[in-house]
Protein backbone atom coordinates (compact mmCIF):
# COMPACT_ATOMS: atom_id res chain seq x y z
CA MET A 1 -6.30 34.49 126.15
CA ARG A 2 -3.73 36.67 127.87
CA ILE A 3 -2.37 35.83 131.33
CA ARG A 4 -3.89 37.87 134.18
CA SER A 5 -1.94 40.95 135.28
CA ASP A 6 -1.64 39.87 138.92
CA ILE A 7 -0.23 36.46 137.95
CA PHE A 8 2.24 38.00 135.50
CA VAL A 9 3.43 40.51 138.12
CA SER A 10 3.82 37.84 140.79
CA ALA A 11 5.86 35.62 138.45
CA LEU A 12 8.01 38.57 137.32
CA ILE A 13 8.85 39.55 140.90
CA ARG A 14 9.85 35.98 141.76
CA ARG A 15 12.07 35.76 138.68
CA VAL A 16 13.78 39.06 139.50
CA PHE A 17 14.55 37.95 143.06
CA SER A 18 15.86 34.60 141.81
CA ALA A 19 18.16 36.51 139.44
CA GLY A 20 19.60 38.44 142.39
CA GLY A 21 17.72 41.69 141.81
CA PHE A 22 15.05 43.58 143.71
CA ALA A 23 11.46 44.13 142.62
CA ALA A 24 8.44 45.82 144.16
CA VAL A 25 4.89 46.73 143.23
CA VAL A 26 4.74 50.53 143.38
CA GLN A 27 1.14 50.77 142.18
CA LYS A 28 -1.32 47.90 142.05
CA GLY A 29 -3.73 47.95 139.14
CA ALA A 30 -6.65 45.87 137.95
CA GLU A 31 -5.98 42.22 138.76
CA GLU A 32 -7.30 40.73 135.53
CA ALA A 33 -6.31 43.12 132.79
CA GLY A 34 -4.48 46.15 134.16
CA ALA A 35 -1.75 47.58 131.96
CA ILE A 36 1.71 46.91 133.38
CA PHE A 37 4.55 49.43 133.36
CA ILE A 38 8.00 48.31 134.44
CA ARG A 39 10.46 50.82 135.81
CA GLN A 40 14.08 49.68 135.82
CA ARG A 41 16.53 51.56 138.03
CA PHE A 42 20.26 51.48 137.38
CA ARG A 43 23.15 52.04 139.79
CA ASP A 44 24.09 55.33 138.12
CA GLY A 45 20.69 56.87 138.93
CA LEU A 46 19.26 56.57 135.43
CA GLU A 47 16.10 54.62 134.69
CA SER A 48 14.29 52.88 131.85
CA VAL A 49 10.55 52.33 131.57
CA TYR A 50 8.74 49.64 129.62
CA GLY A 51 5.04 49.71 128.78
CA PRO A 52 2.60 47.46 126.97
CA ALA A 53 3.50 46.90 123.33
CA PRO A 54 0.98 47.98 120.69
CA GLN A 55 -1.72 45.45 119.79
CA THR A 56 -0.03 44.84 116.44
CA PHE A 57 2.51 42.71 118.35
CA ALA A 58 -0.18 40.58 120.02
CA ARG A 59 -0.69 36.97 118.99
CA ASP A 60 -3.92 35.20 119.85
CA ASP A 61 -2.31 31.81 120.24
CA ASP A 62 0.26 32.40 123.01
CA GLY A 63 -1.32 34.78 125.55
CA ALA A 64 2.05 36.39 126.29
CA ARG A 65 2.49 39.97 127.40
CA ARG A 66 4.88 42.00 125.30
CA PHE A 67 6.50 45.31 126.21
CA GLU A 68 8.18 48.17 124.41
CA ALA A 69 10.80 50.53 125.78
CA ARG A 70 9.18 53.92 126.39
CA LEU A 71 12.38 55.54 127.72
CA ALA A 72 15.88 54.12 127.97
CA GLN A 73 18.38 55.26 130.60
CA ALA A 74 16.70 58.57 131.29
CA GLU A 75 16.45 60.80 134.33
CA ALA A 76 13.96 59.74 137.00
CA SER A 77 11.84 62.86 136.42
CA ALA A 78 11.31 61.89 132.77
CA VAL A 79 10.21 58.39 133.80
CA ASP A 80 7.86 59.92 136.40
CA ALA A 81 6.32 62.06 133.66
CA VAL A 82 5.73 59.07 131.36
CA ILE A 83 4.03 57.08 134.12
CA ALA A 84 1.94 60.06 135.26
CA ARG A 85 0.77 60.69 131.69
CA GLU A 86 -0.26 57.05 131.31
CA ALA A 87 -2.02 57.06 134.71
CA ARG A 88 -4.21 60.00 133.58
CA PHE A 89 -5.62 57.75 130.84
CA ASP A 90 -5.69 54.49 132.81
CA SER A 91 -5.98 54.62 136.59
CA ASP A 92 -5.94 50.80 136.80
CA LEU A 93 -2.34 50.41 135.66
CA TRP A 94 0.39 48.56 137.51
CA VAL A 95 3.83 50.05 138.16
CA ILE A 96 6.56 47.56 138.96
CA GLU A 97 10.00 48.76 140.00
CA LEU A 98 13.09 46.67 139.33
CA GLU A 99 16.64 47.17 140.53
CA LEU A 100 18.50 44.97 138.15
CA ASP A 101 21.41 45.59 135.79
CA ALA A 102 20.00 43.64 132.83
CA ILE A 103 16.49 42.55 131.91
CA GLY A 104 17.67 39.44 130.10
CA ASP A 105 14.70 37.22 129.32
CA LEU A 106 12.47 38.31 132.22
CA PHE A 107 9.88 39.66 129.79
CA GLU A 108 9.61 40.09 126.04
CA ILE A 109 10.62 43.47 124.65
CA VAL A 110 9.52 44.16 121.09
CA LYS A 111 11.19 46.59 118.77
CA PRO A 112 9.01 48.61 116.42
CA ASP A 113 9.57 48.02 112.72
CA THR A 114 11.29 51.14 111.36
CA ASN A 115 10.68 50.33 107.69
């Protein structure tokens, strides 16, 4: 069973603050199972956005949430467009904004197999 969205978000925000960064909930989604999108802002004005990884990366035994990079170091308008497109399909999504130089091990980022 996967951890609830509201609990994951709360824990993520605490971890970001303890790492010296800033985090905020920009849009609150469904508490139990809302999709979570993470928007990372950099000092140079560029942004990255991470969204839920495809189900092929899910494991039944650990309940962890995994993310994939949707855009890396792009203009804010491109990130806005990605989030708006996702919100048209799922109005219960969460948007979390981070101001942090490096993600580190705050959440798991999967890389698609290119083979």
